[in-house]
N, C-alpha and C. Protein backbone atom coordinates (compact mmCIF):
# COMPACT_ATOMS: atom_id res chain seq x y z
N UNK A 1 239.53 348.19 137.03
CA UNK A 1 240.17 347.93 138.31
C UNK A 1 241.68 348.07 138.13
N UNK A 2 242.29 348.83 139.01
CA UNK A 2 243.76 348.93 139.01
C UNK A 2 244.30 348.16 140.21
N UNK A 3 245.43 347.50 140.00
CA UNK A 3 246.05 346.70 141.05
C UNK A 3 247.41 347.29 141.40
N UNK A 4 247.67 347.42 142.67
CA UNK A 4 248.94 347.96 143.16
C UNK A 4 249.61 346.91 144.03
N UNK A 5 250.70 346.38 143.51
CA UNK A 5 251.45 345.35 144.25
C UNK A 5 252.56 345.99 145.08
N UNK A 6 252.81 345.41 146.23
CA UNK A 6 253.88 345.90 147.10
C UNK A 6 254.36 344.76 147.99
N UNK A 7 255.40 345.03 148.74
CA UNK A 7 255.88 344.06 149.72
C UNK A 7 257.15 343.34 149.32
N UNK A 8 257.62 343.55 148.10
CA UNK A 8 258.86 342.92 147.69
C UNK A 8 260.04 343.51 148.42
N UNK A 9 261.18 342.87 148.25
CA UNK A 9 262.39 343.36 148.89
C UNK A 9 263.49 342.35 148.77
N UNK A 10 264.54 342.58 149.55
CA UNK A 10 265.69 341.69 149.56
C UNK A 10 265.76 340.98 150.89
N UNK A 11 265.86 339.67 150.84
CA UNK A 11 265.95 338.87 152.06
C UNK A 11 267.00 337.78 151.86
N UNK A 12 267.43 337.22 152.96
CA UNK A 12 268.35 336.07 152.88
C UNK A 12 267.53 334.78 152.76
N UNK A 13 268.17 333.77 152.24
CA UNK A 13 267.52 332.47 152.11
C UNK A 13 266.98 332.02 153.47
N UNK A 14 265.79 331.47 153.44
CA UNK A 14 265.14 331.05 154.68
C UNK A 14 264.21 332.10 155.26
N UNK A 15 264.29 333.31 154.74
CA UNK A 15 263.46 334.40 155.24
C UNK A 15 262.06 334.38 154.66
N UNK A 16 261.29 335.38 155.06
CA UNK A 16 259.89 335.47 154.63
C UNK A 16 259.56 336.87 154.12
N UNK A 17 258.60 336.92 153.24
CA UNK A 17 258.04 338.18 152.77
C UNK A 17 256.54 337.97 152.56
N UNK A 18 255.79 339.04 152.70
CA UNK A 18 254.38 339.00 152.35
C UNK A 18 254.09 340.05 151.29
N UNK A 19 253.66 339.60 150.14
CA UNK A 19 253.29 340.51 149.07
C UNK A 19 251.81 340.87 149.20
N UNK A 20 251.51 342.11 148.86
CA UNK A 20 250.13 342.58 148.88
C UNK A 20 249.77 343.13 147.51
N UNK A 21 248.52 342.97 147.15
CA UNK A 21 248.01 343.50 145.88
C UNK A 21 246.67 344.15 146.20
N UNK A 22 246.66 345.47 146.20
CA UNK A 22 245.46 346.21 146.55
C UNK A 22 244.73 346.63 145.29
N UNK A 23 243.45 346.35 145.24
CA UNK A 23 242.63 346.70 144.09
C UNK A 23 241.93 348.04 144.32
N UNK A 24 241.76 348.78 143.24
CA UNK A 24 241.10 350.08 143.33
C UNK A 24 239.59 349.94 143.49
N UNK A 25 239.08 348.76 143.14
CA UNK A 25 237.66 348.50 143.27
C UNK A 25 237.41 347.16 143.94
N UNK A 26 236.16 346.83 144.07
CA UNK A 26 235.80 345.59 144.74
C UNK A 26 236.31 344.36 143.99
N UNK A 27 236.74 343.37 144.77
CA UNK A 27 237.16 342.10 144.18
C UNK A 27 236.22 340.98 144.62
N UNK A 28 235.07 341.37 145.15
CA UNK A 28 234.11 340.38 145.62
C UNK A 28 233.71 339.42 144.51
N UNK A 29 233.55 339.96 143.31
CA UNK A 29 233.09 339.13 142.19
C UNK A 29 234.22 338.58 141.34
N UNK A 30 235.44 338.69 141.82
CA UNK A 30 236.56 338.12 141.07
C UNK A 30 236.43 336.61 141.02
N UNK A 31 236.69 336.04 139.86
CA UNK A 31 236.60 334.60 139.70
C UNK A 31 237.89 333.90 140.08
N UNK A 32 239.00 334.55 139.75
CA UNK A 32 240.30 333.96 140.03
C UNK A 32 241.27 335.05 140.44
N UNK A 33 242.09 334.74 141.42
CA UNK A 33 243.18 335.63 141.84
C UNK A 33 244.47 334.85 141.72
N UNK A 34 245.46 335.47 141.11
CA UNK A 34 246.71 334.77 140.83
C UNK A 34 247.91 335.61 141.21
N UNK A 35 248.98 334.92 141.52
CA UNK A 35 250.30 335.53 141.59
C UNK A 35 251.18 334.80 140.57
N UNK A 36 251.86 335.60 139.75
CA UNK A 36 252.84 335.11 138.80
C UNK A 36 254.21 335.66 139.18
N UNK A 37 255.24 335.07 138.60
CA UNK A 37 256.57 335.63 138.75
C UNK A 37 257.36 335.44 137.46
N UNK A 38 258.31 336.31 137.27
CA UNK A 38 259.18 336.22 136.11
C UNK A 38 260.61 336.52 136.52
N UNK A 39 261.45 335.54 136.36
CA UNK A 39 262.86 335.69 136.65
C UNK A 39 263.58 336.14 135.37
N UNK A 40 264.73 336.79 135.51
CA UNK A 40 265.47 337.25 134.33
C UNK A 40 265.74 336.11 133.35
N UNK A 41 265.39 336.34 132.09
CA UNK A 41 265.66 335.35 131.06
C UNK A 41 264.69 334.18 131.03
N UNK A 42 263.67 334.25 131.88
CA UNK A 42 262.71 333.14 131.93
C UNK A 42 261.31 333.64 131.61
N UNK A 43 260.44 332.70 131.28
CA UNK A 43 259.05 333.05 131.00
C UNK A 43 258.29 333.29 132.31
N UNK A 44 257.22 334.05 132.19
CA UNK A 44 256.39 334.29 133.36
C UNK A 44 255.76 332.96 133.81
N UNK A 45 255.78 332.75 135.12
CA UNK A 45 255.35 331.48 135.70
C UNK A 45 254.20 331.72 136.67
N UNK A 46 253.17 330.89 136.59
CA UNK A 46 252.07 330.96 137.54
C UNK A 46 252.52 330.32 138.85
N UNK A 47 252.41 331.08 139.93
CA UNK A 47 252.91 330.63 141.22
C UNK A 47 251.77 330.13 142.11
N UNK A 48 250.68 330.89 142.17
CA UNK A 48 249.59 330.55 143.09
C UNK A 48 248.28 331.07 142.54
N UNK A 49 247.23 330.31 142.78
CA UNK A 49 245.89 330.66 142.31
C UNK A 49 244.89 330.44 143.43
N UNK A 50 243.97 331.37 143.52
CA UNK A 50 242.83 331.19 144.42
C UNK A 50 241.57 331.43 143.59
N UNK A 51 240.69 330.43 143.54
CA UNK A 51 239.45 330.62 142.81
C UNK A 51 238.36 331.07 143.76
N UNK A 52 237.25 331.52 143.20
CA UNK A 52 236.21 332.15 144.01
C UNK A 52 235.63 331.24 145.07
N UNK A 53 235.65 329.93 144.82
CA UNK A 53 235.12 329.01 145.80
C UNK A 53 236.04 328.79 146.99
N UNK A 54 237.26 329.30 146.87
CA UNK A 54 238.20 329.19 147.98
C UNK A 54 239.34 328.23 147.76
N UNK A 55 239.24 327.41 146.73
CA UNK A 55 240.32 326.46 146.47
C UNK A 55 241.58 327.19 146.02
N UNK A 56 242.70 326.64 146.40
CA UNK A 56 243.98 327.21 146.01
C UNK A 56 244.86 326.15 145.36
N UNK A 57 245.70 326.59 144.44
CA UNK A 57 246.68 325.70 143.82
C UNK A 57 248.01 326.44 143.75
N UNK A 58 249.08 325.66 143.74
CA UNK A 58 250.42 326.23 143.76
C UNK A 58 251.33 325.49 142.79
N UNK A 59 252.30 326.23 142.29
CA UNK A 59 253.36 325.59 141.53
C UNK A 59 254.09 324.63 142.45
N UNK A 60 254.56 323.53 141.89
CA UNK A 60 255.26 322.53 142.70
C UNK A 60 256.46 323.14 143.42
N UNK A 61 257.09 324.10 142.80
CA UNK A 61 258.31 324.69 143.35
C UNK A 61 258.05 325.51 144.62
N UNK A 62 256.79 325.90 144.86
CA UNK A 62 256.50 326.73 146.03
C UNK A 62 255.54 326.07 146.99
N UNK A 63 255.05 324.90 146.64
CA UNK A 63 254.07 324.21 147.47
C UNK A 63 254.61 323.98 148.88
N UNK A 64 253.79 324.31 149.86
CA UNK A 64 254.20 324.14 151.25
C UNK A 64 254.96 325.33 151.81
N UNK A 65 255.35 326.27 150.95
CA UNK A 65 256.09 327.45 151.40
C UNK A 65 255.31 328.75 151.18
N UNK A 66 254.51 328.79 150.14
CA UNK A 66 253.76 330.01 149.79
C UNK A 66 252.28 329.79 150.07
N UNK A 67 251.59 330.87 150.44
CA UNK A 67 250.16 330.82 150.68
C UNK A 67 249.49 332.05 150.08
N UNK A 68 248.48 331.81 149.25
CA UNK A 68 247.71 332.91 148.69
C UNK A 68 246.44 333.08 149.52
N UNK A 69 246.07 334.33 149.76
CA UNK A 69 244.87 334.61 150.53
C UNK A 69 244.30 335.95 150.09
N UNK A 70 243.14 336.28 150.59
CA UNK A 70 242.53 337.55 150.23
C UNK A 70 241.81 338.15 151.44
N UNK A 71 241.62 339.44 151.40
CA UNK A 71 240.83 340.16 152.38
C UNK A 71 239.88 341.04 151.58
N UNK A 72 238.63 340.64 151.47
CA UNK A 72 237.70 341.37 150.62
C UNK A 72 237.45 342.79 151.13
N UNK A 73 237.38 342.94 152.44
CA UNK A 73 237.13 344.27 153.00
C UNK A 73 238.24 345.24 152.65
N UNK A 74 239.47 344.73 152.56
CA UNK A 74 240.62 345.57 152.21
C UNK A 74 240.90 345.53 150.71
N UNK A 75 240.12 344.78 149.97
CA UNK A 75 240.31 344.64 148.51
C UNK A 75 241.74 344.22 148.20
N UNK A 76 242.25 343.28 148.95
CA UNK A 76 243.66 342.93 148.86
C UNK A 76 243.84 341.42 148.71
N UNK A 77 244.77 341.06 147.84
CA UNK A 77 245.22 339.69 147.69
C UNK A 77 246.65 339.61 148.21
N UNK A 78 246.92 338.58 148.97
CA UNK A 78 248.24 338.42 149.59
C UNK A 78 248.96 337.19 149.04
N UNK A 79 250.27 337.24 149.12
CA UNK A 79 251.09 336.05 148.91
C UNK A 79 252.10 336.00 150.04
N UNK A 80 251.88 335.09 150.97
CA UNK A 80 252.83 334.88 152.06
C UNK A 80 253.89 333.91 151.58
N UNK A 81 255.13 334.32 151.66
CA UNK A 81 256.24 333.51 151.16
C UNK A 81 257.19 333.22 152.31
N UNK A 82 257.31 331.95 152.64
CA UNK A 82 258.19 331.51 153.71
C UNK A 82 259.31 330.63 153.17
N UNK A 83 260.32 330.44 153.95
CA UNK A 83 261.45 329.59 153.56
C UNK A 83 261.94 329.93 152.16
N UNK A 84 262.16 331.20 151.94
CA UNK A 84 262.54 331.65 150.60
C UNK A 84 263.89 331.10 150.18
N UNK A 85 263.99 330.86 148.89
CA UNK A 85 265.20 330.31 148.30
C UNK A 85 265.72 331.29 147.23
N UNK A 86 267.00 331.22 146.91
CA UNK A 86 267.52 332.11 145.85
C UNK A 86 266.75 331.95 144.53
N UNK A 87 266.28 330.77 144.25
CA UNK A 87 265.54 330.55 143.00
C UNK A 87 264.16 331.18 143.00
N UNK A 88 263.74 331.72 144.13
CA UNK A 88 262.48 332.47 144.18
C UNK A 88 262.67 333.92 143.70
N UNK A 89 263.90 334.31 143.47
CA UNK A 89 264.17 335.66 143.00
C UNK A 89 263.49 335.92 141.67
N UNK A 90 262.68 336.96 141.62
CA UNK A 90 261.90 337.28 140.42
C UNK A 90 261.10 338.55 140.67
N UNK A 91 260.50 339.05 139.61
CA UNK A 91 259.47 340.07 139.76
C UNK A 91 258.14 339.35 139.88
N UNK A 92 257.39 339.70 140.91
CA UNK A 92 256.11 339.05 141.18
C UNK A 92 254.96 339.97 140.76
N UNK A 93 254.00 339.37 140.09
CA UNK A 93 252.85 340.11 139.56
C UNK A 93 251.55 339.52 140.09
N UNK A 94 250.64 340.38 140.49
CA UNK A 94 249.31 339.90 140.83
C UNK A 94 248.39 340.05 139.62
N UNK A 95 247.40 339.20 139.59
CA UNK A 95 246.46 339.16 138.48
C UNK A 95 245.10 338.78 139.02
N UNK A 96 244.07 339.52 138.60
CA UNK A 96 242.71 339.22 139.04
C UNK A 96 241.84 339.10 137.80
N UNK A 97 241.08 338.01 137.74
CA UNK A 97 240.23 337.73 136.58
C UNK A 97 238.77 337.83 136.97
N UNK A 98 238.08 338.66 136.21
CA UNK A 98 236.62 338.73 136.32
C UNK A 98 236.06 338.20 135.00
N UNK A 99 235.32 337.13 135.02
CA UNK A 99 234.79 336.58 133.77
C UNK A 99 233.94 337.60 133.03
N UNK A 100 233.30 338.47 133.79
CA UNK A 100 232.38 339.42 133.18
C UNK A 100 233.10 340.48 132.35
N UNK A 101 234.32 340.88 132.79
CA UNK A 101 234.96 341.98 132.07
C UNK A 101 236.47 341.92 132.02
N UNK A 102 237.02 340.73 132.10
CA UNK A 102 238.43 340.59 131.79
C UNK A 102 239.34 340.47 132.98
N UNK A 103 240.64 340.49 132.71
CA UNK A 103 241.59 340.37 133.80
C UNK A 103 242.48 341.60 133.90
N UNK A 104 243.04 341.76 135.07
CA UNK A 104 243.82 342.96 135.40
C UNK A 104 245.12 342.54 136.05
N UNK A 105 246.16 343.36 135.81
CA UNK A 105 247.50 343.06 136.30
C UNK A 105 248.04 344.20 137.16
N UNK A 106 248.77 343.81 138.18
CA UNK A 106 249.53 344.78 138.95
C UNK A 106 250.84 345.07 138.25
N UNK A 107 251.59 346.02 138.78
CA UNK A 107 252.79 346.48 138.10
C UNK A 107 254.02 345.65 138.40
N UNK A 108 253.96 344.75 139.32
CA UNK A 108 255.11 343.92 139.65
C UNK A 108 255.89 344.45 140.83
N UNK A 109 256.40 343.55 141.62
CA UNK A 109 257.24 343.91 142.76
C UNK A 109 258.42 342.94 142.81
N UNK A 110 259.61 343.49 143.00
CA UNK A 110 260.84 342.69 142.93
C UNK A 110 261.10 341.96 144.25
N UNK A 111 261.37 340.68 144.14
CA UNK A 111 261.80 339.87 145.28
C UNK A 111 263.18 339.33 144.97
N UNK A 112 264.12 339.59 145.86
CA UNK A 112 265.49 339.12 145.70
C UNK A 112 265.89 338.33 146.94
N UNK A 113 266.29 337.09 146.72
CA UNK A 113 266.68 336.21 147.82
C UNK A 113 268.15 335.86 147.66
N UNK A 114 268.94 336.18 148.65
CA UNK A 114 270.38 335.92 148.59
C UNK A 114 270.71 334.68 149.42
N UNK A 115 271.75 334.00 148.98
CA UNK A 115 272.15 332.76 149.67
C UNK A 115 273.11 333.05 150.80
């Protein structure tokens, strides 16, 4: 499975972006879908997770502002980001885990939030 992330860009603080991660194959059997981010000079950070049962979890820093969702028909995982802050600036990566045959990563999309 190949993942293609898009939707990044430059916005002012308080703005919104929606990231998309389109899979080349079905994600119906995916066990976990994740969005990570990595800011310059920092380690990659798990931002949002959606497990197959539908439960979602978020990093404390984005809770209440970001929402992870999926559209199985479109083979797409989304990250809706609202009330963006300069500290949200990072490269965002999607990740999909299939217990049966491993996990897959998108190429990353840059999000820049200016104050």
